[in-house]
Amino acid sequence: MANVTIVLSEAELERLERTIEQGEACFVEARNIISANTVSSLDTGKGGSKGEGPDVSGIRWKVKGGGLAQPSDVFAFEFTQNRDGSTPSERASLVKYLKAHGALSVDEFEITMSKDGKFLQRKRM
């Protein structure tokens, strides 16, 4: 197997990052459309666990340094808004829920919002 090195200018790198973010946003929107048209335990009234609330599976949790968080990480975060100030749909329902209800328990994690409202925080309980 051969090694390949690719050199990108700052402008090319920024364009690539925007393209990836747009692709991720399209993926999340598609998943949300599918979820909205699928009967879940929340829709049927089954389940009833304390942790029921907004879907957090579309959130790309990060660890200190900006790397993607793994399920084994004790703490992870995500910004509530994009750089342009918009709140993506996969985070909007969670932000709204946390403002109205406080902490959310999902599996072995507690999800909260920072006091300044800029960060979502995922902490292992």
C-alpha atoms as a PDB file:
ATOM      1  CA  MET A   1       0.000   0.000   0.000  1.00  0.00           C
ATOM      2  CA  ALA A   2       1.400   3.399  -0.989  1.00  0.00           C
ATOM      3  CA  ASN A   3       1.280   6.525   1.156  1.00  0.00           C
ATOM      4  CA  VAL A   4      -0.322   9.609  -0.353  1.00  0.00           C
ATOM      5  CA  THR A   5       0.144  13.178   0.852  1.00  0.00           C
ATOM      6  CA  ILE A   6      -2.380  15.857  -0.038  1.00  0.00           C
ATOM      7  CA  VAL A   7      -1.602  19.530   0.510  1.00  0.00           C
ATOM      8  CA  LEU A   8      -4.542  21.936   0.767  1.00  0.00           C
ATOM      9  CA  SER A   9      -4.537  25.703   0.981  1.00  0.00           C
ATOM     10  CA  GLU A  10      -6.420  27.346   3.847  1.00  0.00           C
ATOM     11  CA  ALA A  11      -9.264  28.277   1.468  1.00  0.00           C
ATOM     12  CA  GLU A  12      -9.480  24.718   0.122  1.00  0.00           C
ATOM     13  CA  LEU A  13      -9.493  23.318   3.648  1.00  0.00           C
ATOM     14  CA  GLU A  14     -12.300  25.666   4.697  1.00  0.00           C
ATOM     15  CA  ARG A  15     -14.307  24.709   1.574  1.00  0.00           C
ATOM     16  CA  LEU A  16     -13.804  21.027   2.387  1.00  0.00           C
ATOM     17  CA  GLU A  17     -14.932  21.571   5.999  1.00  0.00           C
ATOM     18  CA  ARG A  18     -18.085  23.392   4.774  1.00  0.00           C
ATOM     19  CA  THR A  19     -18.834  20.566   2.350  1.00  0.00           C
ATOM     20  CA  ILE A  20     -18.492  17.988   5.141  1.00  0.00           C
ATOM     21  CA  GLU A  21     -20.701  20.050   7.479  1.00  0.00           C
ATOM     22  CA  GLN A  22     -23.355  20.401   4.760  1.00  0.00           C
ATOM     23  CA  GLY A  23     -23.252  16.651   4.127  1.00  0.00           C
ATOM     24  CA  GLU A  24     -23.620  15.954   7.845  1.00  0.00           C
ATOM     25  CA  ALA A  25     -26.544  18.380   8.059  1.00  0.00           C
ATOM     26  CA  CYS A  26     -28.261  16.634   5.127  1.00  0.00           C
ATOM     27  CA  PHE A  27     -27.705  13.252   6.772  1.00  0.00           C
ATOM     28  CA  VAL A  28     -29.179  14.441  10.071  1.00  0.00           C
ATOM     29  CA  GLU A  29     -32.141  16.047   8.301  1.00  0.00           C
ATOM     30  CA  ALA A  30     -32.827  12.782   6.455  1.00  0.00           C
ATOM     31  CA  ARG A  31     -32.610  10.820   9.708  1.00  0.00           C
ATOM     32  CA  ASN A  32     -34.985  13.285  11.388  1.00  0.00           C
ATOM     33  CA  ILE A  33     -37.486  12.918   8.535  1.00  0.00           C
ATOM     34  CA  ILE A  34     -37.303   9.142   8.829  1.00  0.00           C
ATOM     35  CA  SER A  35     -37.651   9.328  12.620  1.00  0.00           C
ATOM     36  CA  ALA A  36     -40.653  11.632  12.342  1.00  0.00           C
ATOM     37  CA  ASN A  37     -42.362   9.090  10.096  1.00  0.00           C
ATOM     38  CA  THR A  38     -41.523   6.068  12.253  1.00  0.00           C
ATOM     39  CA  VAL A  39     -43.591   4.957  15.233  1.00  0.00           C
ATOM     40  CA  SER A  40     -41.385   4.941  18.300  1.00  0.00           C
ATOM     41  CA  SER A  41     -41.899   3.974  21.928  1.00  0.00           C
ATOM     42  CA  LEU A  42     -42.523   7.663  22.665  1.00  0.00           C
ATOM     43  CA  ASP A  43     -45.356   7.754  20.111  1.00  0.00           C
ATOM     44  CA  THR A  44     -47.005   4.597  21.405  1.00  0.00           C
ATOM     45  CA  GLY A  45     -46.633   5.406  25.064  1.00  0.00           C
ATOM     46  CA  LYS A  46     -44.515   2.315  25.678  1.00  0.00           C
ATOM     47  CA  GLY A  47     -41.190   2.415  27.422  1.00  0.00           C
ATOM     48  CA  GLY A  48     -41.745   5.180  29.925  1.00  0.00           C
ATOM     49  CA  SER A  49     -38.170   5.372  31.206  1.00  0.00           C
ATOM     50  CA  LYS A  50     -37.047   8.484  33.015  1.00  0.00           C
ATOM     51  CA  GLY A  51     -34.577   9.275  30.224  1.00  0.00           C
ATOM     52  CA  GLU A  52     -37.157   9.690  27.460  1.00  0.00           C
ATOM     53  CA  GLY A  53     -36.760  12.960  25.673  1.00  0.00           C
ATOM     54  CA  PRO A  54     -35.306  14.311  22.453  1.00  0.00           C
ATOM     55  CA  ASP A  55     -33.174  12.093  20.214  1.00  0.00           C
ATOM     56  CA  VAL A  56     -29.492  12.711  20.900  1.00  0.00           C
ATOM     57  CA  SER A  57     -28.101  10.147  18.458  1.00  0.00           C
ATOM     58  CA  GLY A  58     -27.354  12.804  15.827  1.00  0.00           C
ATOM     59  CA  ILE A  59     -25.110  14.832  18.111  1.00  0.00           C
ATOM     60  CA  ARG A  60     -21.402  14.555  17.359  1.00  0.00           C
ATOM     61  CA  TRP A  61     -19.964  14.780  20.870  1.00  0.00           C
ATOM     62  CA  LYS A  62     -16.408  16.071  21.181  1.00  0.00           C
ATOM     63  CA  VAL A  63     -13.684  15.731  23.798  1.00  0.00           C
ATOM     64  CA  LYS A  64     -11.157  18.333  24.889  1.00  0.00           C
ATOM     65  CA  GLY A  65      -8.969  19.121  21.894  1.00  0.00           C
ATOM     66  CA  GLY A  66     -11.861  18.769  19.434  1.00  0.00           C
ATOM     67  CA  GLY A  67     -11.659  15.035  18.707  1.00  0.00           C
ATOM     68  CA  LEU A  68     -14.790  12.954  18.451  1.00  0.00           C
ATOM     69  CA  ALA A  69     -15.934  11.431  21.733  1.00  0.00           C
ATOM     70  CA  GLN A  70     -16.253   7.694  22.165  1.00  0.00           C
ATOM     71  CA  PRO A  71     -18.940   5.952  24.238  1.00  0.00           C
ATOM     72  CA  SER A  72     -16.275   5.173  26.844  1.00  0.00           C
ATOM     73  CA  ASP A  73     -15.395   8.863  27.409  1.00  0.00           C
ATOM     74  CA  VAL A  74     -16.464  10.214  30.799  1.00  0.00           C
ATOM     75  CA  PHE A  75     -17.142  13.752  29.539  1.00  0.00           C
ATOM     76  CA  ALA A  76     -17.943  15.191  26.130  1.00  0.00           C
ATOM     77  CA  PHE A  77     -19.415  18.410  24.782  1.00  0.00           C
ATOM     78  CA  GLU A  78     -20.967  20.006  21.716  1.00  0.00           C
ATOM     79  CA  PHE A  79     -21.764  23.609  20.915  1.00  0.00           C
ATOM     80  CA  THR A  80     -25.435  24.572  21.018  1.00  0.00           C
ATOM     81  CA  GLN A  81     -25.031  26.667  17.853  1.00  0.00           C
ATOM     82  CA  ASN A  82     -23.026  26.652  14.624  1.00  0.00           C
ATOM     83  CA  ARG A  83     -20.432  29.324  13.874  1.00  0.00           C
ATOM     84  CA  ASP A  84     -23.097  31.352  12.037  1.00  0.00           C
ATOM     85  CA  GLY A  85     -25.315  31.409  15.157  1.00  0.00           C
ATOM     86  CA  SER A  86     -27.902  28.948  13.861  1.00  0.00           C
ATOM     87  CA  THR A  87     -28.988  25.971  15.924  1.00  0.00           C
ATOM     88  CA  PRO A  88     -28.994  22.737  13.882  1.00  0.00           C
ATOM     89  CA  SER A  89     -32.160  20.648  14.049  1.00  0.00           C
ATOM     90  CA  GLU A  90     -30.409  17.711  15.759  1.00  0.00           C
ATOM     91  CA  ARG A  91     -29.488  20.041  18.650  1.00  0.00           C
ATOM     92  CA  ALA A  92     -32.522  22.351  18.668  1.00  0.00           C
ATOM     93  CA  SER A  93     -34.945  19.912  20.284  1.00  0.00           C
ATOM     94  CA  LEU A  94     -32.374  18.993  22.938  1.00  0.00           C
ATOM     95  CA  VAL A  95     -31.618  22.642  23.727  1.00  0.00           C
ATOM     96  CA  LYS A  96     -35.347  23.375  24.013  1.00  0.00           C
ATOM     97  CA  TYR A  97     -35.857  20.317  26.231  1.00  0.00           C
ATOM     98  CA  LEU A  98     -32.949  21.204  28.551  1.00  0.00           C
ATOM     99  CA  LYS A  99     -34.171  24.792  28.928  1.00  0.00           C
ATOM    100  CA  ALA A 100     -37.642  23.567  29.878  1.00  0.00           C
ATOM    101  CA  HIS A 101     -36.850  20.443  31.931  1.00  0.00           C
ATOM    102  CA  GLY A 102     -33.207  20.560  33.022  1.00  0.00           C
ATOM    103  CA  ALA A 103     -30.928  17.534  32.836  1.00  0.00           C
ATOM    104  CA  LEU A 104     -31.733  14.564  30.613  1.00  0.00           C
ATOM    105  CA  SER A 105     -30.693  10.983  31.394  1.00  0.00           C
ATOM    106  CA  VAL A 106     -29.841   8.865  28.354  1.00  0.00           C
ATOM    107  CA  ASP A 107     -28.444   5.381  28.938  1.00  0.00           C
ATOM    108  CA  GLU A 108     -25.537   5.852  31.356  1.00  0.00           C
ATOM    109  CA  PHE A 109     -25.126   9.585  30.596  1.00  0.00           C
ATOM    110  CA  GLU A 110     -26.531  12.802  32.015  1.00  0.00           C
ATOM    111  CA  ILE A 111     -26.908  15.556  29.445  1.00  0.00           C
ATOM    112  CA  THR A 112     -26.978  19.175  30.576  1.00  0.00           C
ATOM    113  CA  MET A 113     -26.412  22.644  29.150  1.00  0.00           C
ATOM    114  CA  SER A 114     -23.698  24.989  30.379  1.00  0.00           C
ATOM    115  CA  LYS A 115     -24.813  27.961  32.480  1.00  0.00           C
ATOM    116  CA  ASP A 116     -24.032  30.362  29.631  1.00  0.00           C
ATOM    117  CA  GLY A 117     -26.058  28.225  27.198  1.00  0.00           C
ATOM    118  CA  LYS A 118     -23.193  27.789  24.735  1.00  0.00           C
ATOM    119  CA  PHE A 119     -22.430  24.105  25.314  1.00  0.00           C
ATOM    120  CA  LEU A 120     -24.225  20.794  25.618  1.00  0.00           C
ATOM    121  CA  GLN A 121     -22.456  18.543  28.095  1.00  0.00           C
ATOM    122  CA  ARG A 122     -22.540  14.736  28.266  1.00  0.00           C
ATOM    123  CA  LYS A 123     -21.298  13.234  31.531  1.00  0.00           C
ATOM    124  CA  ARG A 124     -21.164   9.584  32.523  1.00  0.00           C
ATOM    125  CA  MET A 125     -23.278   9.013  35.650  1.00  0.00           C
END
